């Protein structure tokens, strides 16, 4: 099981639903509920760069300094969702 969402890097342990859902209703072991529902990505047209900006913004809203938010999101393009895009 992935320890973090393979789309946004959120730790799956922080996801209130403990993961997204597959088309058959089972829990996704790779993606969080904010990114993945019913076997599909919620933000279908989002790019890895847009996800980095979105997540960094959420981290900054949560009180993280901007430079740390950028640092923590630098790995997003290497995640499973974005590798073959």
N, C-alpha and C. Protein backbone atom coordinates (compact mmCIF):
# COMPACT_ATOMS: atom_id res chain seq x y z
N UNK A 1 0.84 -1.19 0.00
CA UNK A 1 0.00 0.00 0.00
C UNK A 1 0.88 1.24 0.00
N UNK A 2 0.52 2.21 -0.81
CA UNK A 2 1.25 3.48 -0.84
C UNK A 2 1.01 4.22 0.46
N UNK A 3 2.02 4.90 0.93
CA UNK A 3 1.87 5.67 2.16
C UNK A 3 1.37 7.07 1.88
N UNK A 4 1.48 7.49 0.61
CA UNK A 4 0.99 8.81 0.23
C UNK A 4 0.25 8.71 -1.09
N UNK A 5 -0.65 9.65 -1.28
CA UNK A 5 -1.41 9.70 -2.53
C UNK A 5 -0.44 9.85 -3.70
N UNK A 6 -0.64 9.02 -4.71
CA UNK A 6 0.22 9.04 -5.88
C UNK A 6 -0.24 10.08 -6.91
N UNK A 7 -1.02 11.06 -6.45
CA UNK A 7 -1.43 12.18 -7.27
C UNK A 7 -1.02 13.51 -6.63
N UNK A 8 -1.23 13.63 -5.30
CA UNK A 8 -0.99 14.92 -4.62
C UNK A 8 0.02 14.85 -3.47
N UNK A 9 0.47 13.67 -3.11
CA UNK A 9 1.44 13.45 -2.04
C UNK A 9 0.87 13.54 -0.63
N UNK A 10 -0.45 13.67 -0.48
CA UNK A 10 -1.01 13.71 0.86
C UNK A 10 -0.82 12.35 1.52
N UNK A 11 -0.36 12.32 2.77
CA UNK A 11 -0.28 11.03 3.45
C UNK A 11 -1.67 10.42 3.55
N UNK A 12 -1.81 9.16 3.13
CA UNK A 12 -3.12 8.51 3.15
C UNK A 12 -3.65 8.40 4.58
N UNK A 13 -2.76 8.41 5.56
CA UNK A 13 -3.21 8.37 6.96
C UNK A 13 -3.92 9.66 7.36
N UNK A 14 -3.71 10.74 6.62
CA UNK A 14 -4.38 12.03 6.90
C UNK A 14 -5.71 12.16 6.15
N UNK A 15 -5.98 11.26 5.23
CA UNK A 15 -7.22 11.29 4.46
C UNK A 15 -8.36 10.82 5.37
N UNK A 16 -9.40 11.63 5.54
CA UNK A 16 -10.51 11.22 6.40
C UNK A 16 -11.15 9.90 5.99
N UNK A 17 -11.10 9.56 4.69
CA UNK A 17 -11.68 8.31 4.20
C UNK A 17 -10.63 7.22 4.03
N UNK A 18 -9.37 7.54 4.35
CA UNK A 18 -8.25 6.59 4.25
C UNK A 18 -8.00 6.10 2.82
N UNK A 19 -8.39 6.89 1.84
CA UNK A 19 -8.13 6.56 0.44
C UNK A 19 -9.35 6.83 -0.42
N UNK A 20 -9.11 6.97 -1.71
CA UNK A 20 -10.20 7.17 -2.66
C UNK A 20 -10.93 5.87 -2.92
N UNK A 21 -11.84 5.88 -3.89
CA UNK A 21 -12.62 4.68 -4.18
C UNK A 21 -12.44 4.26 -5.63
N UNK A 22 -12.42 2.95 -5.82
CA UNK A 22 -12.34 2.38 -7.16
C UNK A 22 -13.76 2.30 -7.75
N UNK A 23 -13.86 1.96 -9.03
CA UNK A 23 -15.16 1.89 -9.71
C UNK A 23 -16.09 0.88 -9.04
N UNK A 24 -15.53 -0.18 -8.46
CA UNK A 24 -16.36 -1.20 -7.81
C UNK A 24 -16.69 -0.87 -6.36
N UNK A 25 -16.27 0.33 -5.91
CA UNK A 25 -16.55 0.75 -4.54
C UNK A 25 -15.47 0.41 -3.54
N UNK A 26 -14.49 -0.39 -3.94
CA UNK A 26 -13.41 -0.74 -3.02
C UNK A 26 -12.49 0.47 -2.82
N UNK A 27 -11.73 0.44 -1.76
CA UNK A 27 -10.84 1.54 -1.42
C UNK A 27 -9.59 1.51 -2.30
N UNK A 28 -9.20 2.67 -2.79
CA UNK A 28 -7.96 2.79 -3.56
C UNK A 28 -6.79 2.76 -2.59
N UNK A 29 -5.78 2.00 -2.92
CA UNK A 29 -4.59 1.92 -2.08
C UNK A 29 -3.51 2.89 -2.55
N UNK A 30 -3.79 3.62 -3.65
CA UNK A 30 -2.79 4.51 -4.22
C UNK A 30 -3.17 5.99 -4.20
N UNK A 31 -4.46 6.28 -4.14
CA UNK A 31 -4.91 7.67 -4.28
C UNK A 31 -5.85 8.08 -3.16
N UNK A 32 -5.79 9.35 -2.75
CA UNK A 32 -6.64 9.85 -1.68
C UNK A 32 -8.05 10.16 -2.19
N UNK A 33 -8.95 10.36 -1.26
CA UNK A 33 -10.35 10.63 -1.62
C UNK A 33 -10.53 12.02 -2.23
N UNK A 34 -9.57 12.92 -2.02
CA UNK A 34 -9.66 14.25 -2.61
C UNK A 34 -9.34 14.21 -4.11
N UNK A 35 -8.52 13.23 -4.51
CA UNK A 35 -8.08 13.12 -5.90
C UNK A 35 -8.83 12.07 -6.72
N UNK A 36 -9.36 11.04 -6.07
CA UNK A 36 -9.84 9.86 -6.79
C UNK A 36 -11.13 9.34 -6.20
N UNK A 37 -12.14 9.21 -7.07
CA UNK A 37 -13.45 8.75 -6.61
C UNK A 37 -14.11 7.93 -7.72
N UNK A 38 -14.64 6.78 -7.37
CA UNK A 38 -15.34 5.95 -8.35
C UNK A 38 -14.46 5.47 -9.49
N UNK A 39 -13.16 5.33 -9.23
CA UNK A 39 -12.24 4.85 -10.26
C UNK A 39 -11.76 5.91 -11.22
N UNK A 40 -12.05 7.19 -10.91
CA UNK A 40 -11.64 8.28 -11.79
C UNK A 40 -11.03 9.42 -10.98
N UNK A 41 -10.14 10.16 -11.62
CA UNK A 41 -9.57 11.34 -10.97
C UNK A 41 -10.59 12.46 -10.97
N UNK A 42 -10.69 13.14 -9.86
CA UNK A 42 -11.65 14.25 -9.76
C UNK A 42 -11.24 15.42 -10.64
N UNK A 43 -9.95 15.71 -10.71
CA UNK A 43 -9.44 16.82 -11.53
C UNK A 43 -8.82 16.22 -12.79
N UNK A 44 -9.67 15.76 -13.70
CA UNK A 44 -9.21 15.02 -14.87
C UNK A 44 -8.23 15.79 -15.76
N UNK A 45 -8.43 17.07 -15.90
CA UNK A 45 -7.61 17.87 -16.83
C UNK A 45 -6.44 18.56 -16.17
N UNK A 46 -6.21 18.30 -14.90
CA UNK A 46 -5.12 18.96 -14.17
C UNK A 46 -3.78 18.37 -14.60
N UNK A 47 -2.77 19.24 -14.71
CA UNK A 47 -1.41 18.79 -15.00
C UNK A 47 -0.65 18.63 -13.69
N UNK A 48 0.50 17.99 -13.75
CA UNK A 48 1.34 17.83 -12.56
C UNK A 48 1.74 19.20 -12.01
N UNK A 49 2.04 20.13 -12.90
CA UNK A 49 2.44 21.47 -12.46
C UNK A 49 1.28 22.20 -11.77
N UNK A 50 0.08 22.02 -12.31
CA UNK A 50 -1.10 22.63 -11.67
C UNK A 50 -1.35 22.00 -10.30
N UNK A 51 -1.13 20.70 -10.18
CA UNK A 51 -1.29 20.02 -8.90
C UNK A 51 -0.26 20.56 -7.90
N UNK A 52 0.97 20.78 -8.35
CA UNK A 52 2.00 21.34 -7.46
C UNK A 52 1.55 22.71 -6.94
N UNK A 53 1.05 23.55 -7.82
CA UNK A 53 0.60 24.88 -7.42
C UNK A 53 -0.57 24.79 -6.45
N UNK A 54 -1.52 23.91 -6.74
CA UNK A 54 -2.69 23.74 -5.89
C UNK A 54 -2.29 23.27 -4.49
N UNK A 55 -1.46 22.23 -4.43
CA UNK A 55 -1.06 21.67 -3.14
C UNK A 55 -0.21 22.68 -2.36
N UNK A 56 0.71 23.37 -3.04
CA UNK A 56 1.52 24.38 -2.37
C UNK A 56 0.62 25.46 -1.76
N UNK A 57 -0.41 25.86 -2.50
CA UNK A 57 -1.35 26.86 -1.99
C UNK A 57 -2.06 26.37 -0.73
N UNK A 58 -2.46 25.11 -0.72
CA UNK A 58 -3.12 24.55 0.46
C UNK A 58 -2.17 24.49 1.65
N UNK A 59 -0.92 24.13 1.39
CA UNK A 59 0.07 24.08 2.47
C UNK A 59 0.34 25.48 3.04
N UNK A 60 0.40 26.47 2.16
CA UNK A 60 0.61 27.86 2.60
C UNK A 60 -0.60 28.33 3.41
N UNK A 61 -1.81 28.01 2.93
CA UNK A 61 -3.03 28.33 3.69
C UNK A 61 -2.98 27.73 5.09
N UNK A 62 -2.39 26.56 5.20
CA UNK A 62 -2.27 25.87 6.48
C UNK A 62 -1.16 26.40 7.37
N UNK A 63 -0.43 27.41 6.89
CA UNK A 63 0.59 28.05 7.71
C UNK A 63 2.03 27.69 7.38
N UNK A 64 2.24 26.86 6.37
CA UNK A 64 3.61 26.49 6.00
C UNK A 64 4.24 27.63 5.21
N UNK A 65 5.48 27.97 5.49
CA UNK A 65 6.15 29.01 4.69
C UNK A 65 6.21 28.61 3.22
N UNK A 66 6.17 29.61 2.35
CA UNK A 66 6.12 29.37 0.90
C UNK A 66 7.28 28.51 0.41
N UNK A 67 8.49 28.77 0.89
CA UNK A 67 9.64 28.00 0.41
C UNK A 67 9.53 26.53 0.80
N UNK A 68 8.96 26.23 1.96
CA UNK A 68 8.77 24.84 2.36
C UNK A 68 7.66 24.18 1.55
N UNK A 69 6.60 24.94 1.25
CA UNK A 69 5.51 24.41 0.44
C UNK A 69 6.04 24.01 -0.94
N UNK A 70 6.88 24.84 -1.53
CA UNK A 70 7.47 24.54 -2.84
C UNK A 70 8.38 23.31 -2.73
N UNK A 71 9.15 23.24 -1.64
CA UNK A 71 10.05 22.11 -1.41
C UNK A 71 9.27 20.80 -1.30
N UNK A 72 8.19 20.80 -0.52
CA UNK A 72 7.43 19.59 -0.28
C UNK A 72 6.64 19.11 -1.50
N UNK A 73 6.41 19.98 -2.46
CA UNK A 73 5.63 19.58 -3.64
C UNK A 73 6.50 19.26 -4.85
N UNK A 74 7.79 19.37 -4.72
CA UNK A 74 8.68 19.17 -5.87
C UNK A 74 8.63 17.75 -6.44
N UNK A 75 8.24 16.77 -5.65
CA UNK A 75 8.20 15.39 -6.11
C UNK A 75 6.91 14.98 -6.82
N UNK A 76 5.93 15.85 -6.86
CA UNK A 76 4.63 15.49 -7.46
C UNK A 76 4.76 14.96 -8.89
N UNK A 77 5.55 15.59 -9.78
CA UNK A 77 5.64 15.07 -11.15
C UNK A 77 6.19 13.64 -11.26
N UNK A 78 6.82 13.14 -10.21
CA UNK A 78 7.40 11.79 -10.23
C UNK A 78 6.43 10.73 -9.71
N UNK A 79 5.25 11.14 -9.25
CA UNK A 79 4.28 10.20 -8.71
C UNK A 79 3.63 9.37 -9.81
N UNK A 80 3.05 8.25 -9.42
CA UNK A 80 2.44 7.28 -10.35
C UNK A 80 1.48 7.94 -11.35
N UNK A 81 0.61 8.83 -10.87
CA UNK A 81 -0.38 9.45 -11.77
C UNK A 81 0.28 10.22 -12.90
N UNK A 82 1.39 10.85 -12.66
CA UNK A 82 1.98 11.78 -13.61
C UNK A 82 3.11 11.18 -14.44
N UNK A 83 3.59 10.01 -14.11
CA UNK A 83 4.75 9.41 -14.79
C UNK A 83 4.55 9.20 -16.28
N UNK A 84 3.38 8.76 -16.68
CA UNK A 84 3.16 8.41 -18.09
C UNK A 84 2.30 9.42 -18.82
N UNK A 85 2.19 10.61 -18.26
CA UNK A 85 1.34 11.64 -18.87
C UNK A 85 2.14 12.43 -19.88
